[in-house]
């Protein structure tokens, strides 16, 4: 990746609902860390 402003992370979540709830619950902390919520892109990968 040539963009120094981009991060890619691989995470496990039991469900998309759990991830959505986490993002809502921690929105203030995430924002204070400097993250721009509108820049978030999520790609779902599954082995099911």
PDB file of N, CA and C in Angstrom:
ATOM      1  N   UNK A   1       0.846  -1.166   0.000  1.00  0.00           N
ATOM      2  CA  UNK A   1       0.000   0.000   0.000  1.00  0.00           C
ATOM      3  C   UNK A   1       0.897   1.236   0.000  1.00  0.00           C
ATOM      4  N   UNK A   2       0.590   2.158  -0.864  1.00  0.00           N
ATOM      5  CA  UNK A   2       1.411   3.352  -1.009  1.00  0.00           C
ATOM      6  C   UNK A   2       0.904   4.546  -0.211  1.00  0.00           C
ATOM      7  N   UNK A   3      -0.220   4.426   0.435  1.00  0.00           N
ATOM      8  CA  UNK A   3      -0.823   5.545   1.159  1.00  0.00           C
ATOM      9  C   UNK A   3      -0.450   5.477   2.637  1.00  0.00           C
ATOM     10  N   UNK A   4       0.394   6.389   3.068  1.00  0.00           N
ATOM     11  CA  UNK A   4       0.847   6.397   4.466  1.00  0.00           C
ATOM     12  C   UNK A   4      -0.264   6.795   5.440  1.00  0.00           C
ATOM     13  N   UNK A   5      -1.394   7.266   4.936  1.00  0.00           N
ATOM     14  CA  UNK A   5      -2.506   7.683   5.792  1.00  0.00           C
ATOM     15  C   UNK A   5      -3.569   6.606   5.951  1.00  0.00           C
ATOM     16  N   UNK A   6      -3.306   5.425   5.430  1.00  0.00           N
ATOM     17  CA  UNK A   6      -4.281   4.340   5.472  1.00  0.00           C
ATOM     18  C   UNK A   6      -3.775   3.218   6.357  1.00  0.00           C
ATOM     19  N   UNK A   7      -4.680   2.670   7.150  1.00  0.00           N
ATOM     20  CA  UNK A   7      -4.358   1.512   7.979  1.00  0.00           C
ATOM     21  C   UNK A   7      -5.334   0.397   7.633  1.00  0.00           C
ATOM     22  N   UNK A   8      -4.824  -0.810   7.614  1.00  0.00           N
ATOM     23  CA  UNK A   8      -5.676  -1.978   7.428  1.00  0.00           C
ATOM     24  C   UNK A   8      -5.549  -2.829   8.679  1.00  0.00           C
ATOM     25  N   UNK A   9      -6.678  -3.269   9.188  1.00  0.00           N
ATOM     26  CA  UNK A   9      -6.681  -4.098  10.392  1.00  0.00           C
ATOM     27  C   UNK A   9      -7.541  -5.325  10.141  1.00  0.00           C
ATOM     28  N   UNK A  10      -7.123  -6.426  10.694  1.00  0.00           N
ATOM     29  CA  UNK A  10      -7.904  -7.659  10.629  1.00  0.00           C
ATOM     30  C   UNK A  10      -8.372  -7.945  12.047  1.00  0.00           C
ATOM     31  N   UNK A  11      -9.674  -8.060  12.212  1.00  0.00           N
ATOM     32  CA  UNK A  11     -10.231  -8.305  13.538  1.00  0.00           C
ATOM     33  C   UNK A  11     -11.223  -9.456  13.477  1.00  0.00           C
ATOM     34  N   UNK A  12     -11.480 -10.041  14.626  1.00  0.00           N
ATOM     35  CA  UNK A  12     -12.541 -11.043  14.762  1.00  0.00           C
ATOM     36  C   UNK A  12     -13.684 -10.397  15.527  1.00  0.00           C
ATOM     37  N   UNK A  13     -14.883 -10.609  15.060  1.00  0.00           N
ATOM     38  CA  UNK A  13     -16.065 -10.180  15.795  1.00  0.00           C
ATOM     39  C   UNK A  13     -17.094 -11.302  15.726  1.00  0.00           C
ATOM     40  N   UNK A  14     -17.792 -11.554  16.817  1.00  0.00           N
ATOM     41  CA  UNK A  14     -18.786 -12.626  16.793  1.00  0.00           C
ATOM     42  C   UNK A  14     -19.948 -12.337  15.840  1.00  0.00           C
ATOM     43  N   UNK A  15     -20.188 -11.050  15.557  1.00  0.00           N
ATOM     44  CA  UNK A  15     -21.258 -10.681  14.627  1.00  0.00           C
ATOM     45  C   UNK A  15     -21.077  -9.227  14.220  1.00  0.00           C
ATOM     46  N   UNK A  16     -21.689  -8.847  13.109  1.00  0.00           N
ATOM     47  CA  UNK A  16     -21.645  -7.450  12.683  1.00  0.00           C
ATOM     48  C   UNK A  16     -22.394  -6.573  13.679  1.00  0.00           C
ATOM     49  N   UNK A  17     -23.423  -7.133  14.293  1.00  0.00           N
ATOM     50  CA  UNK A  17     -24.164  -6.378  15.301  1.00  0.00           C
ATOM     51  C   UNK A  17     -23.262  -6.030  16.481  1.00  0.00           C
ATOM     52  N   UNK A  18     -22.410  -6.974  16.886  1.00  0.00           N
ATOM     53  CA  UNK A  18     -21.475  -6.717  17.988  1.00  0.00           C
ATOM     54  C   UNK A  18     -20.483  -5.624  17.607  1.00  0.00           C
ATOM     55  N   UNK A  19     -20.003  -5.653  16.369  1.00  0.00           N
ATOM     56  CA  UNK A  19     -19.079  -4.611  15.906  1.00  0.00           C
ATOM     57  C   UNK A  19     -19.778  -3.254  15.868  1.00  0.00           C
ATOM     58  N   UNK A  20     -20.996  -3.225  15.337  1.00  0.00           N
ATOM     59  CA  UNK A  20     -21.765  -1.979  15.299  1.00  0.00           C
ATOM     60  C   UNK A  20     -21.968  -1.416  16.704  1.00  0.00           C
ATOM     61  N   UNK A  21     -22.314  -2.279  17.654  1.00  0.00           N
ATOM     62  CA  UNK A  21     -22.540  -1.828  19.025  1.00  0.00           C
ATOM     63  C   UNK A  21     -21.256  -1.288  19.636  1.00  0.00           C
ATOM     64  N   UNK A  22     -20.138  -1.973  19.396  1.00  0.00           N
ATOM     65  CA  UNK A  22     -18.845  -1.505  19.896  1.00  0.00           C
ATOM     66  C   UNK A  22     -18.526  -0.120  19.341  1.00  0.00           C
ATOM     67  N   UNK A  23     -18.723   0.064  18.042  1.00  0.00           N
ATOM     68  CA  UNK A  23     -18.424   1.358  17.417  1.00  0.00           C
ATOM     69  C   UNK A  23     -19.306   2.461  18.013  1.00  0.00           C
ATOM     70  N   UNK A  24     -20.566   2.152  18.294  1.00  0.00           N
ATOM     71  CA  UNK A  24     -21.464   3.131  18.910  1.00  0.00           C
ATOM     72  C   UNK A  24     -21.049   3.428  20.346  1.00  0.00           C
ATOM     73  N   UNK A  25     -20.752   2.373  21.107  1.00  0.00           N
ATOM     74  CA  UNK A  25     -20.385   2.540  22.513  1.00  0.00           C
ATOM     75  C   UNK A  25     -19.087   3.327  22.676  1.00  0.00           C
ATOM     76  N   UNK A  26     -18.160   3.147  21.767  1.00  0.00           N
ATOM     77  CA  UNK A  26     -16.834   3.760  21.876  1.00  0.00           C
ATOM     78  C   UNK A  26     -16.642   4.946  20.936  1.00  0.00           C
ATOM     79  N   UNK A  27     -17.727   5.475  20.377  1.00  0.00           N
ATOM     80  CA  UNK A  27     -17.646   6.549  19.388  1.00  0.00           C
ATOM     81  C   UNK A  27     -16.855   7.753  19.889  1.00  0.00           C
ATOM     82  N   UNK A  28     -17.063   8.151  21.127  1.00  0.00           N
ATOM     83  CA  UNK A  28     -16.360   9.319  21.659  1.00  0.00           C
ATOM     84  C   UNK A  28     -14.859   9.062  21.751  1.00  0.00           C
ATOM     85  N   UNK A  29     -14.473   7.917  22.266  1.00  0.00           N
ATOM     86  CA  UNK A  29     -13.053   7.574  22.397  1.00  0.00           C
ATOM     87  C   UNK A  29     -12.404   7.481  21.017  1.00  0.00           C
ATOM     88  N   UNK A  30     -13.103   6.858  20.084  1.00  0.00           N
ATOM     89  CA  UNK A  30     -12.583   6.712  18.726  1.00  0.00           C
ATOM     90  C   UNK A  30     -12.389   8.083  18.094  1.00  0.00           C
ATOM     91  N   UNK A  31     -13.350   8.966  18.266  1.00  0.00           N
ATOM     92  CA  UNK A  31     -13.253  10.320  17.724  1.00  0.00           C
ATOM     93  C   UNK A  31     -12.105  11.094  18.358  1.00  0.00           C
ATOM     94  N   UNK A  32     -11.971  10.986  19.682  1.00  0.00           N
ATOM     95  CA  UNK A  32     -10.886  11.682  20.383  1.00  0.00           C
ATOM     96  C   UNK A  32      -9.509  11.204  19.921  1.00  0.00           C
ATOM     97  N   UNK A  33      -9.446   9.971  19.435  1.00  0.00           N
ATOM     98  CA  UNK A  33      -8.181   9.424  18.937  1.00  0.00           C
ATOM     99  C   UNK A  33      -7.834   9.983  17.559  1.00  0.00           C
ATOM    100  N   UNK A  34      -8.766  10.731  16.963  1.00  0.00           N
ATOM    101  CA  UNK A  34      -8.503  11.359  15.678  1.00  0.00           C
ATOM    102  C   UNK A  34      -9.060  10.613  14.476  1.00  0.00           C
ATOM    103  N   UNK A  35      -9.762   9.523  14.731  1.00  0.00           N
ATOM    104  CA  UNK A  35     -10.333   8.751  13.623  1.00  0.00           C
ATOM    105  C   UNK A  35     -11.485   9.514  12.989  1.00  0.00           C
ATOM    106  N   UNK A  36     -11.559   9.491  11.678  1.00  0.00           N
ATOM    107  CA  UNK A  36     -12.659  10.102  10.941  1.00  0.00           C
ATOM    108  C   UNK A  36     -13.626   8.977  10.579  1.00  0.00           C
ATOM    109  N   UNK A  37     -14.749   8.925  11.271  1.00  0.00           N
ATOM    110  CA  UNK A  37     -15.693   7.807  11.131  1.00  0.00           C
ATOM    111  C   UNK A  37     -16.131   7.597   9.687  1.00  0.00           C
ATOM    112  N   UNK A  38     -16.307   8.676   8.950  1.00  0.00           N
ATOM    113  CA  UNK A  38     -16.764   8.568   7.569  1.00  0.00           C
ATOM    114  C   UNK A  38     -15.742   7.885   6.666  1.00  0.00           C
ATOM    115  N   UNK A  39     -14.509   7.763   7.133  1.00  0.00           N
ATOM    116  CA  UNK A  39     -13.466   7.138   6.313  1.00  0.00           C
ATOM    117  C   UNK A  39     -13.401   5.626   6.502  1.00  0.00           C
ATOM    118  N   UNK A  40     -14.196   5.101   7.418  1.00  0.00           N
ATOM    119  CA  UNK A  40     -14.154   3.670   7.718  1.00  0.00           C
ATOM    120  C   UNK A  40     -14.762   2.856   6.583  1.00  0.00           C
ATOM    121  N   UNK A  41     -14.017   1.860   6.131  1.00  0.00           N
ATOM    122  CA  UNK A  41     -14.516   0.899   5.149  1.00  0.00           C
ATOM    123  C   UNK A  41     -14.367  -0.486   5.764  1.00  0.00           C
ATOM    124  N   UNK A  42     -15.431  -1.260   5.748  1.00  0.00           N
ATOM    125  CA  UNK A  42     -15.404  -2.599   6.331  1.00  0.00           C
ATOM    126  C   UNK A  42     -15.647  -3.619   5.227  1.00  0.00           C
ATOM    127  N   UNK A  43     -14.770  -4.604   5.166  1.00  0.00           N
ATOM    128  CA  UNK A  43     -14.924  -5.727   4.246  1.00  0.00           C
ATOM    129  C   UNK A  43     -15.113  -6.978   5.088  1.00  0.00           C
ATOM    130  N   UNK A  44     -16.219  -7.654   4.893  1.00  0.00           N
ATOM    131  CA  UNK A  44     -16.524  -8.845   5.676  1.00  0.00           C
ATOM    132  C   UNK A  44     -15.959 -10.069   4.963  1.00  0.00           C
ATOM    133  N   UNK A  45     -15.206 -10.854   5.713  1.00  0.00           N
ATOM    134  CA  UNK A  45     -14.675 -12.131   5.227  1.00  0.00           C
ATOM    135  C   UNK A  45     -15.178 -13.214   6.174  1.00  0.00           C
ATOM    136  N   UNK A  46     -15.601 -14.315   5.624  1.00  0.00           N
ATOM    137  CA  UNK A  46     -16.133 -15.383   6.456  1.00  0.00           C
ATOM    138  C   UNK A  46     -15.721 -16.742   5.901  1.00  0.00           C
ATOM    139  N   UNK A  47     -15.677 -17.710   6.766  1.00  0.00           N
ATOM    140  CA  UNK A  47     -15.392 -19.068   6.328  1.00  0.00           C
ATOM    141  C   UNK A  47     -16.642 -19.935   6.384  1.00  0.00           C
ATOM    142  N   UNK A  48     -17.798 -19.305   6.523  1.00  0.00           N
ATOM    143  CA  UNK A  48     -19.062 -20.039   6.609  1.00  0.00           C
ATOM    144  C   UNK A  48     -19.663 -20.215   5.240  1.00  0.00           C
TER     145      UNK A  48
END
